Amino acid sequence: MNVDRVLEGYVVKLGDNVSTDDIIAGRYLHITDPEELASHLFENRPEIRERLLKAKKPVILVAGRGFGYGSSREHAPIALKTYGVKAVLAESFHRIFYRNSVNNGLLVIEVKGMADLVDDGDKIRVDLRAGIVETPRGTIRIGKIPDYVINLILSGGLKEKLRSIASQKSHT
């Protein structure tokens, strides 16, 4: 098994309907520095922010339904990834957030029933090749994620993948 296809992290558990404005407030959309964006995560949701700041890293967010609804801002997945969030596992995602996350190299996986198997601080293991998540209360199947999606995320996102392809072509 390829080690880069196995992620481990500590859970920060969220509920349903976490919006992109919850993740990064609209007043920060003028910021282009990913580190500065990450410093403002969940300012609109201090109860989440406090738990996130106290969590061991790397962090894996586990959420309910409707994660990432709202505006189509790319700032949200960029800030999460830059902060050190390795993945977001949720019952469902809003499609534009899902696509922005993949394009920016943040792993997002729809997993039914995940929230029932974890609590804040639990260490979990996501095995992308086997299509499973191992938790302290059991293993849950996530299904096969296409290799091209995994490779896109592992390369850092769409821009990084395209840079890599262009670099390879310029050396041939």
N, C-alpha and C. Protein backbone atom coordinates (compact mmCIF):
# COMPACT_ATOMS: atom_id res chain seq x y z
N MET A 1 0.84 -1.19 0.00
CA MET A 1 0.00 0.00 0.00
C MET A 1 0.88 1.24 0.00
N ASN A 2 0.51 2.22 -0.77
CA ASN A 2 1.23 3.47 -0.87
C ASN A 2 0.89 4.33 0.35
N VAL A 3 1.91 4.72 1.13
CA VAL A 3 1.68 5.44 2.38
C VAL A 3 0.92 6.74 2.17
N ASP A 4 1.17 7.44 1.06
CA ASP A 4 0.51 8.73 0.85
C ASP A 4 -0.99 8.59 0.61
N ARG A 5 -1.47 7.38 0.53
CA ARG A 5 -2.91 7.16 0.36
C ARG A 5 -3.58 6.77 1.67
N VAL A 6 -2.84 6.92 2.76
CA VAL A 6 -3.38 6.67 4.09
C VAL A 6 -3.19 7.95 4.90
N LEU A 7 -4.28 8.47 5.44
CA LEU A 7 -4.23 9.68 6.25
C LEU A 7 -4.66 9.35 7.66
N GLU A 8 -3.99 9.95 8.63
CA GLU A 8 -4.41 9.82 10.01
C GLU A 8 -4.59 11.22 10.57
N GLY A 9 -5.54 11.36 11.47
CA GLY A 9 -5.77 12.65 12.08
C GLY A 9 -6.71 12.55 13.25
N TYR A 10 -6.91 13.69 13.89
CA TYR A 10 -7.74 13.79 15.09
C TYR A 10 -9.03 14.53 14.75
N VAL A 11 -10.11 13.97 15.20
CA VAL A 11 -11.45 14.45 14.83
C VAL A 11 -11.81 15.75 15.54
N VAL A 12 -12.35 16.67 14.76
CA VAL A 12 -13.15 17.78 15.27
C VAL A 12 -14.51 17.57 14.63
N LYS A 13 -15.50 17.32 15.48
CA LYS A 13 -16.83 16.94 15.02
C LYS A 13 -17.73 18.17 14.92
N LEU A 14 -18.37 18.31 13.76
CA LEU A 14 -19.27 19.42 13.50
C LEU A 14 -20.66 18.88 13.21
N GLY A 15 -21.63 19.73 13.23
CA GLY A 15 -22.99 19.31 12.95
C GLY A 15 -23.36 19.49 11.48
N ASP A 16 -24.64 19.66 11.25
CA ASP A 16 -25.18 19.88 9.90
C ASP A 16 -25.04 21.34 9.50
N ASN A 17 -25.10 21.56 8.19
CA ASN A 17 -25.22 22.90 7.61
C ASN A 17 -24.15 23.88 8.06
N VAL A 18 -22.91 23.52 7.83
CA VAL A 18 -21.79 24.43 8.05
C VAL A 18 -21.56 25.16 6.73
N SER A 19 -21.71 26.48 6.76
CA SER A 19 -21.62 27.25 5.51
C SER A 19 -20.18 27.71 5.25
N THR A 20 -19.95 28.15 4.02
CA THR A 20 -18.65 28.72 3.69
C THR A 20 -18.42 30.01 4.48
N ASP A 21 -19.49 30.74 4.82
CA ASP A 21 -19.35 31.93 5.64
C ASP A 21 -19.01 31.57 7.08
N ASP A 22 -19.45 30.40 7.55
CA ASP A 22 -19.03 29.92 8.87
C ASP A 22 -17.54 29.61 8.84
N ILE A 23 -17.07 29.00 7.76
CA ILE A 23 -15.68 28.58 7.65
C ILE A 23 -14.76 29.80 7.57
N ILE A 24 -15.05 30.70 6.65
CA ILE A 24 -14.26 31.94 6.53
C ILE A 24 -15.23 33.08 6.21
N ALA A 25 -15.30 34.03 7.10
CA ALA A 25 -16.26 35.13 6.97
C ALA A 25 -16.00 35.96 5.72
N GLY A 26 -17.07 36.47 5.15
CA GLY A 26 -16.99 37.27 3.94
C GLY A 26 -16.08 38.48 4.05
N ARG A 27 -15.91 39.00 5.26
CA ARG A 27 -15.07 40.19 5.42
C ARG A 27 -13.59 39.90 5.14
N TYR A 28 -13.22 38.63 4.98
CA TYR A 28 -11.83 38.26 4.71
C TYR A 28 -11.59 37.85 3.26
N LEU A 29 -12.56 38.03 2.41
CA LEU A 29 -12.41 37.56 1.03
C LEU A 29 -11.40 38.36 0.20
N HIS A 30 -10.96 39.49 0.72
CA HIS A 30 -9.93 40.26 0.03
C HIS A 30 -8.53 39.71 0.30
N ILE A 31 -8.40 38.80 1.25
CA ILE A 31 -7.10 38.23 1.63
C ILE A 31 -6.70 37.15 0.62
N THR A 32 -5.47 37.23 0.16
CA THR A 32 -4.96 36.22 -0.78
C THR A 32 -3.91 35.31 -0.15
N ASP A 33 -3.37 35.69 1.01
CA ASP A 33 -2.37 34.88 1.69
C ASP A 33 -3.05 33.72 2.44
N PRO A 34 -2.77 32.48 2.04
CA PRO A 34 -3.44 31.34 2.68
C PRO A 34 -3.22 31.26 4.19
N GLU A 35 -2.04 31.61 4.67
CA GLU A 35 -1.76 31.56 6.11
C GLU A 35 -2.65 32.56 6.87
N GLU A 36 -2.79 33.75 6.31
CA GLU A 36 -3.64 34.75 6.96
C GLU A 36 -5.10 34.31 6.92
N LEU A 37 -5.53 33.74 5.81
CA LEU A 37 -6.90 33.20 5.74
C LEU A 37 -7.13 32.16 6.84
N ALA A 38 -6.18 31.24 6.96
CA ALA A 38 -6.31 30.17 7.95
C ALA A 38 -6.41 30.71 9.36
N SER A 39 -5.80 31.85 9.61
CA SER A 39 -5.84 32.42 10.97
C SER A 39 -7.23 32.93 11.34
N HIS A 40 -8.13 33.02 10.36
CA HIS A 40 -9.49 33.53 10.61
C HIS A 40 -10.57 32.44 10.54
N LEU A 41 -10.16 31.18 10.52
CA LEU A 41 -11.13 30.09 10.42
C LEU A 41 -12.19 30.16 11.52
N PHE A 42 -13.41 29.97 11.13
CA PHE A 42 -14.56 29.83 12.02
C PHE A 42 -14.73 31.00 13.00
N GLU A 43 -14.31 32.20 12.62
CA GLU A 43 -14.53 33.35 13.50
C GLU A 43 -16.02 33.62 13.70
N ASN A 44 -16.85 33.28 12.73
CA ASN A 44 -18.30 33.44 12.89
C ASN A 44 -18.92 32.35 13.75
N ARG A 45 -18.16 31.31 14.06
CA ARG A 45 -18.63 30.19 14.87
C ARG A 45 -17.62 29.93 15.99
N PRO A 46 -17.60 30.78 17.02
CA PRO A 46 -16.57 30.66 18.06
C PRO A 46 -16.56 29.31 18.78
N GLU A 47 -17.70 28.63 18.85
CA GLU A 47 -17.74 27.32 19.51
C GLU A 47 -16.96 26.29 18.71
N ILE A 48 -16.95 26.43 17.39
CA ILE A 48 -16.15 25.54 16.54
C ILE A 48 -14.69 25.98 16.58
N ARG A 49 -14.46 27.27 16.45
CA ARG A 49 -13.10 27.81 16.44
C ARG A 49 -12.31 27.37 17.67
N GLU A 50 -12.93 27.48 18.82
CA GLU A 50 -12.25 27.12 20.07
C GLU A 50 -11.84 25.64 20.06
N ARG A 51 -12.74 24.77 19.62
CA ARG A 51 -12.43 23.34 19.57
C ARG A 51 -11.35 23.04 18.55
N LEU A 52 -11.40 23.73 17.41
CA LEU A 52 -10.39 23.54 16.37
C LEU A 52 -9.01 23.96 16.87
N LEU A 53 -8.94 25.10 17.52
CA LEU A 53 -7.65 25.60 18.01
C LEU A 53 -7.05 24.69 19.09
N LYS A 54 -7.90 24.01 19.85
CA LYS A 54 -7.43 23.11 20.91
C LYS A 54 -7.12 21.71 20.40
N ALA A 55 -7.57 21.38 19.21
CA ALA A 55 -7.44 20.01 18.68
C ALA A 55 -5.98 19.68 18.35
N LYS A 56 -5.66 18.40 18.53
CA LYS A 56 -4.36 17.90 18.07
C LYS A 56 -4.36 17.94 16.55
N LYS A 57 -3.17 18.13 16.00
CA LYS A 57 -3.03 18.11 14.53
C LYS A 57 -2.34 16.83 14.13
N PRO A 58 -2.58 16.35 12.95
CA PRO A 58 -3.45 16.91 11.92
C PRO A 58 -4.92 16.69 12.25
N VAL A 59 -5.75 17.57 11.74
CA VAL A 59 -7.19 17.56 12.00
C VAL A 59 -7.92 16.91 10.84
N ILE A 60 -8.93 16.11 11.17
CA ILE A 60 -9.90 15.63 10.20
C ILE A 60 -11.26 16.08 10.70
N LEU A 61 -11.95 16.90 9.91
CA LEU A 61 -13.29 17.35 10.28
C LEU A 61 -14.30 16.28 9.92
N VAL A 62 -15.23 16.03 10.84
CA VAL A 62 -16.34 15.10 10.59
C VAL A 62 -17.61 15.91 10.78
N ALA A 63 -18.41 15.96 9.74
CA ALA A 63 -19.61 16.82 9.76
C ALA A 63 -20.84 16.04 9.33
N GLY A 64 -21.97 16.71 9.49
CA GLY A 64 -23.24 16.14 9.09
C GLY A 64 -23.59 16.47 7.66
N ARG A 65 -24.85 16.81 7.44
CA ARG A 65 -25.35 17.11 6.10
C ARG A 65 -25.08 18.57 5.72
N GLY A 66 -24.92 18.79 4.42
CA GLY A 66 -24.86 20.15 3.89
C GLY A 66 -23.61 20.92 4.21
N PHE A 67 -22.46 20.26 4.27
CA PHE A 67 -21.23 20.98 4.58
C PHE A 67 -20.83 21.84 3.38
N GLY A 68 -20.50 23.11 3.65
CA GLY A 68 -20.01 24.00 2.60
C GLY A 68 -21.08 24.68 1.78
N TYR A 69 -22.29 24.83 2.33
CA TYR A 69 -23.33 25.52 1.56
C TYR A 69 -23.03 27.02 1.56
N GLY A 70 -23.67 27.72 0.69
CA GLY A 70 -23.49 29.17 0.62
C GLY A 70 -22.73 29.57 -0.62
N SER A 71 -21.93 30.62 -0.49
CA SER A 71 -21.23 31.16 -1.65
C SER A 71 -20.20 30.17 -2.17
N SER A 72 -19.75 30.43 -3.37
CA SER A 72 -18.83 29.50 -4.03
C SER A 72 -17.37 29.87 -3.77
N ARG A 73 -17.10 30.55 -2.67
CA ARG A 73 -15.75 31.03 -2.40
C ARG A 73 -14.75 29.89 -2.25
N GLU A 74 -13.62 30.02 -2.93
CA GLU A 74 -12.53 29.05 -2.79
C GLU A 74 -11.75 29.27 -1.50
N HIS A 75 -11.96 30.40 -0.87
CA HIS A 75 -11.23 30.73 0.35
C HIS A 75 -11.45 29.68 1.45
N ALA A 76 -12.65 29.11 1.51
CA ALA A 76 -12.96 28.16 2.58
C ALA A 76 -12.08 26.91 2.53
N PRO A 77 -12.03 26.18 1.41
CA PRO A 77 -11.15 25.01 1.40
C PRO A 77 -9.66 25.37 1.49
N ILE A 78 -9.28 26.51 0.94
CA ILE A 78 -7.87 26.93 1.04
C ILE A 78 -7.50 27.17 2.50
N ALA A 79 -8.36 27.86 3.23
CA ALA A 79 -8.09 28.14 4.65
C ALA A 79 -8.05 26.86 5.47
N LEU A 80 -8.97 25.94 5.21
CA LEU A 80 -8.98 24.67 5.94
C LEU A 80 -7.70 23.88 5.68
N LYS A 81 -7.35 23.76 4.43
CA LYS A 81 -6.14 22.99 4.06
C LYS A 81 -4.89 23.64 4.66
N THR A 82 -4.78 24.94 4.55
CA THR A 82 -3.61 25.64 5.06
C THR A 82 -3.50 25.51 6.57
N TYR A 83 -4.63 25.50 7.25
CA TYR A 83 -4.61 25.35 8.71
C TYR A 83 -4.07 23.98 9.12
N GLY A 84 -4.25 23.00 8.28
CA GLY A 84 -3.79 21.65 8.62
C GLY A 84 -4.89 20.62 8.63
N VAL A 85 -6.06 20.98 8.13
CA VAL A 85 -7.15 20.00 8.00
C VAL A 85 -6.77 19.06 6.87
N LYS A 86 -6.65 17.77 7.18
CA LYS A 86 -6.24 16.78 6.18
C LYS A 86 -7.40 16.30 5.34
N ALA A 87 -8.60 16.32 5.92
CA ALA A 87 -9.78 15.84 5.19
C ALA A 87 -11.02 16.34 5.90
N VAL A 88 -12.11 16.39 5.13
CA VAL A 88 -13.43 16.64 5.68
C VAL A 88 -14.29 15.45 5.30
N LEU A 89 -14.82 14.75 6.29
CA LEU A 89 -15.74 13.63 6.06
C LEU A 89 -17.10 14.09 6.51
N ALA A 90 -18.08 14.05 5.62
CA ALA A 90 -19.41 14.56 5.94
C ALA A 90 -20.49 13.69 5.31
N GLU A 91 -21.69 13.79 5.86
CA GLU A 91 -22.84 13.08 5.29
C GLU A 91 -23.09 13.54 3.87
N SER A 92 -22.98 14.86 3.65
CA SER A 92 -23.14 15.40 2.30
C SER A 92 -22.47 16.77 2.22
N PHE A 93 -22.09 17.13 1.01
CA PHE A 93 -21.46 18.41 0.72
C PHE A 93 -22.28 19.15 -0.32
N HIS A 94 -22.22 20.46 -0.26
CA HIS A 94 -22.75 21.24 -1.38
C HIS A 94 -21.74 21.12 -2.50
N ARG A 95 -22.23 20.94 -3.70
CA ARG A 95 -21.39 20.54 -4.82
C ARG A 95 -20.28 21.54 -5.14
N ILE A 96 -20.56 22.84 -5.07
CA ILE A 96 -19.52 23.81 -5.42
C ILE A 96 -18.39 23.76 -4.40
N PHE A 97 -18.71 23.58 -3.12
CA PHE A 97 -17.66 23.44 -2.10
C PHE A 97 -16.85 22.17 -2.36
N TYR A 98 -17.54 21.09 -2.69
CA TYR A 98 -16.88 19.83 -2.97
C TYR A 98 -15.87 20.00 -4.10
N ARG A 99 -16.31 20.62 -5.19
CA ARG A 99 -15.43 20.80 -6.35
C ARG A 99 -14.29 21.75 -6.04
N ASN A 100 -14.58 22.85 -5.34
CA ASN A 100 -13.51 23.79 -4.95
C ASN A 100 -12.48 23.10 -4.07
N SER A 101 -12.93 22.20 -3.21
CA SER A 101 -12.01 21.48 -2.32
C SER A 101 -11.07 20.59 -3.13
N VAL A 102 -11.64 19.80 -4.01
CA VAL A 102 -10.82 18.92 -4.86
C VAL A 102 -9.84 19.76 -5.68
N ASN A 103 -10.33 20.84 -6.29
CA ASN A 103 -9.47 21.69 -7.11
C ASN A 103 -8.33 22.32 -6.31
N ASN A 104 -8.53 22.48 -5.00
CA ASN A 104 -7.51 23.10 -4.16
C ASN A 104 -6.76 22.10 -3.29
N GLY A 105 -6.98 20.81 -3.53
CA GLY A 105 -6.19 19.79 -2.86
C GLY A 105 -6.64 19.41 -1.46
N LEU A 106 -7.90 19.70 -1.12
CA LEU A 106 -8.45 19.29 0.18
C LEU A 106 -9.32 18.06 -0.03
N LEU A 107 -9.00 17.00 0.68
CA LEU A 107 -9.75 15.76 0.56
C LEU A 107 -11.11 15.90 1.23
N VAL A 108 -12.17 15.65 0.47
CA VAL A 108 -13.54 15.67 0.98
C VAL A 108 -14.20 14.35 0.58
N ILE A 109 -14.82 13.69 1.56
CA ILE A 109 -15.41 12.38 1.29
C ILE A 109 -16.79 12.32 1.94
N GLU A 110 -17.78 11.92 1.16
CA GLU A 110 -19.12 11.69 1.71
C GLU A 110 -19.13 10.33 2.39
N VAL A 111 -19.48 10.34 3.68
CA VAL A 111 -19.50 9.12 4.48
C VAL A 111 -20.77 9.12 5.33
N LYS A 112 -21.67 8.23 5.01
CA LYS A 112 -22.91 8.11 5.79
C LYS A 112 -22.63 7.43 7.12
N GLY A 113 -23.13 8.00 8.21
CA GLY A 113 -23.02 7.39 9.53
C GLY A 113 -21.70 7.63 10.25
N MET A 114 -20.82 8.41 9.67
CA MET A 114 -19.51 8.64 10.27
C MET A 114 -19.61 9.32 11.63
N ALA A 115 -20.49 10.29 11.76
CA ALA A 115 -20.60 11.05 13.01
C ALA A 115 -20.98 10.17 14.20
N ASP A 116 -21.64 9.04 13.93
CA ASP A 116 -22.03 8.13 15.01
C ASP A 116 -20.85 7.34 15.56
N LEU A 117 -19.74 7.32 14.83
CA LEU A 117 -18.59 6.49 15.21
C LEU A 117 -17.44 7.27 15.83
N VAL A 118 -17.58 8.59 15.96
CA VAL A 118 -16.46 9.39 16.47
C VAL A 118 -16.91 10.47 17.44
N ASP A 119 -15.94 10.91 18.21
CA ASP A 119 -16.08 12.06 19.09
C ASP A 119 -14.88 12.97 18.88
N ASP A 120 -14.99 14.21 19.34
CA ASP A 120 -13.85 15.12 19.27
C ASP A 120 -12.62 14.44 19.87
N GLY A 121 -11.51 14.59 19.19
CA GLY A 121 -10.24 14.08 19.70
C GLY A 121 -9.92 12.65 19.32
N ASP A 122 -10.89 11.90 18.81
CA ASP A 122 -10.61 10.53 18.39
C ASP A 122 -9.60 10.55 17.25
N LYS A 123 -8.68 9.59 17.28
CA LYS A 123 -7.75 9.42 16.17
C LYS A 123 -8.37 8.45 15.18
N ILE A 124 -8.42 8.87 13.91
CA ILE A 124 -8.97 8.01 12.87
C ILE A 124 -7.96 7.87 11.74
N ARG A 125 -8.19 6.85 10.94
CA ARG A 125 -7.30 6.52 9.83
C ARG A 125 -8.16 6.36 8.57
N VAL A 126 -7.80 7.09 7.53
CA VAL A 126 -8.51 7.03 6.26
C VAL A 126 -7.59 6.33 5.26
N ASP A 127 -8.02 5.17 4.78
CA ASP A 127 -7.24 4.40 3.81
C ASP A 127 -7.94 4.54 2.46
N LEU A 128 -7.38 5.38 1.62
CA LEU A 128 -8.01 5.68 0.33
C LEU A 128 -7.99 4.50 -0.63
N ARG A 129 -6.93 3.71 -0.59
CA ARG A 129 -6.84 2.56 -1.49
C ARG A 129 -7.86 1.49 -1.10
N ALA A 130 -7.97 1.20 0.20
CA ALA A 130 -8.91 0.17 0.66
C ALA A 130 -10.34 0.70 0.71
N GLY A 131 -10.51 2.04 0.73
CA GLY A 131 -11.84 2.62 0.77
C GLY A 131 -12.51 2.48 2.13
N ILE A 132 -11.73 2.68 3.20
CA ILE A 132 -12.28 2.55 4.55
C ILE A 132 -11.78 3.67 5.46
N VAL A 133 -12.54 3.89 6.53
CA VAL A 133 -12.12 4.76 7.62
C VAL A 133 -12.15 3.91 8.88
N GLU A 134 -11.04 3.88 9.58
CA GLU A 134 -10.96 3.15 10.84
C GLU A 134 -11.12 4.14 11.98
N THR A 135 -12.07 3.84 12.88
CA THR A 135 -12.35 4.69 14.02
C THR A 135 -12.22 3.86 15.29
N PRO A 136 -12.21 4.48 16.48
CA PRO A 136 -12.16 3.71 17.72
C PRO A 136 -13.38 2.80 17.91
N ARG A 137 -14.48 3.10 17.22
CA ARG A 137 -15.71 2.31 17.38
C ARG A 137 -16.02 1.41 16.19
N GLY A 138 -15.07 1.30 15.28
CA GLY A 138 -15.30 0.41 14.14
C GLY A 138 -14.83 1.01 12.83
N THR A 139 -14.96 0.20 11.81
CA THR A 139 -14.52 0.59 10.47
C THR A 139 -15.76 0.85 9.61
N ILE A 140 -15.66 1.88 8.80
CA ILE A 140 -16.76 2.23 7.91
C ILE A 140 -16.22 2.30 6.48
N ARG A 141 -16.98 1.79 5.56
CA ARG A 141 -16.58 1.77 4.15
C ARG A 141 -16.94 3.10 3.50
N ILE A 142 -15.99 3.64 2.75
CA ILE A 142 -16.23 4.90 2.05
C ILE A 142 -16.34 4.68 0.54
N GLY A 143 -16.04 3.51 0.10
CA GLY A 143 -16.11 3.25 -1.33
C GLY A 143 -14.85 3.70 -2.03
N LYS A 144 -14.74 3.34 -3.26
CA LYS A 144 -13.55 3.62 -4.06
C LYS A 144 -13.58 5.06 -4.55
N ILE A 145 -12.50 5.76 -4.29
CA ILE A 145 -12.32 7.10 -4.83
C ILE A 145 -11.46 6.95 -6.08
N PRO A 146 -11.90 7.49 -7.20
CA PRO A 146 -11.13 7.33 -8.43
C PRO A 146 -9.68 7.79 -8.28
N ASP A 147 -8.77 7.05 -8.89
CA ASP A 147 -7.35 7.38 -8.80
C ASP A 147 -7.05 8.80 -9.27
N TYR A 148 -7.74 9.26 -10.32
CA TYR A 148 -7.45 10.60 -10.82
C TYR A 148 -7.82 11.67 -9.78
N VAL A 149 -8.85 11.43 -8.97
CA VAL A 149 -9.23 12.37 -7.91
C VAL A 149 -8.18 12.34 -6.81
N ILE A 150 -7.78 11.14 -6.40
CA ILE A 150 -6.74 11.01 -5.37
C ILE A 150 -5.45 11.69 -5.84
N ASN A 151 -5.05 11.42 -7.07
CA ASN A 151 -3.82 12.02 -7.59
C ASN A 151 -3.92 13.54 -7.66
N LEU A 152 -5.08 14.06 -8.03
CA LEU A 152 -5.29 15.49 -8.08
C LEU A 152 -5.12 16.09 -6.68
N ILE A 153 -5.72 15.48 -5.68
CA ILE A 153 -5.63 15.98 -4.31
C ILE A 153 -4.21 15.85 -3.79
N LEU A 154 -3.58 14.69 -4.00
CA LEU A 154 -2.23 14.47 -3.51
C LEU A 154 -1.20 15.38 -4.18
N SER A 155 -1.50 15.84 -5.39
CA SER A 155 -0.58 16.75 -6.07
C SER A 155 -0.76 18.19 -5.60
N GLY A 156 -1.75 18.44 -4.74
CA GLY A 156 -1.96 19.78 -4.21
C GLY A 156 -3.12 20.52 -4.84
N GLY A 157 -3.82 19.88 -5.76
CA GLY A 157 -4.95 20.52 -6.40
C GLY A 157 -4.73 20.71 -7.89
N LEU A 158 -5.71 21.29 -8.53
CA LEU A 158 -5.71 21.44 -9.99
C LEU A 158 -4.55 22.30 -10.49
N LYS A 159 -4.32 23.46 -9.85
CA LYS A 159 -3.24 24.34 -10.31
C LYS A 159 -1.89 23.64 -10.22
N GLU A 160 -1.65 22.98 -9.09
CA GLU A 160 -0.37 22.28 -8.92
C GLU A 160 -0.22 21.14 -9.92
N LYS A 161 -1.29 20.42 -10.16
CA LYS A 161 -1.26 19.31 -11.13
C LYS A 161 -0.94 19.85 -12.53
N LEU A 162 -1.58 20.94 -12.91
CA LEU A 162 -1.32 21.53 -14.22
C LEU A 162 0.11 22.06 -14.33
N ARG A 163 0.62 22.65 -13.24
CA ARG A 163 2.02 23.10 -13.23
C ARG A 163 2.97 21.92 -13.43
N SER A 164 2.67 20.82 -12.76
CA SER A 164 3.49 19.62 -12.87
C SER A 164 3.49 19.07 -14.29
N ILE A 165 2.32 19.03 -14.89
CA ILE A 165 2.21 18.54 -16.28
C ILE A 165 2.98 19.47 -17.22
N ALA A 166 2.82 20.76 -17.03
CA ALA A 166 3.52 21.72 -17.89
C ALA A 166 5.04 21.60 -17.72
N SER A 167 5.49 21.41 -16.50
CA SER A 167 6.91 21.25 -16.22
C SER A 167 7.47 19.99 -16.88
N GLN A 168 6.69 18.90 -16.80
CA GLN A 168 7.13 17.65 -17.42
C GLN A 168 7.24 17.81 -18.94
N LYS A 169 6.28 18.51 -19.52
CA LYS A 169 6.29 18.71 -20.98
C LYS A 169 7.45 19.58 -21.41
N SER A 170 7.82 20.56 -20.59
CA SER A 170 8.91 21.46 -20.95
C SER A 170 10.28 20.77 -20.83
N HIS A 171 10.33 19.66 -20.10
CA HIS A 171 11.58 18.92 -19.96
C HIS A 171 11.72 17.78 -20.97
N THR A 172 10.72 17.63 -21.84
CA THR A 172 10.81 16.55 -22.85
C THR A 172 11.13 17.09 -24.21
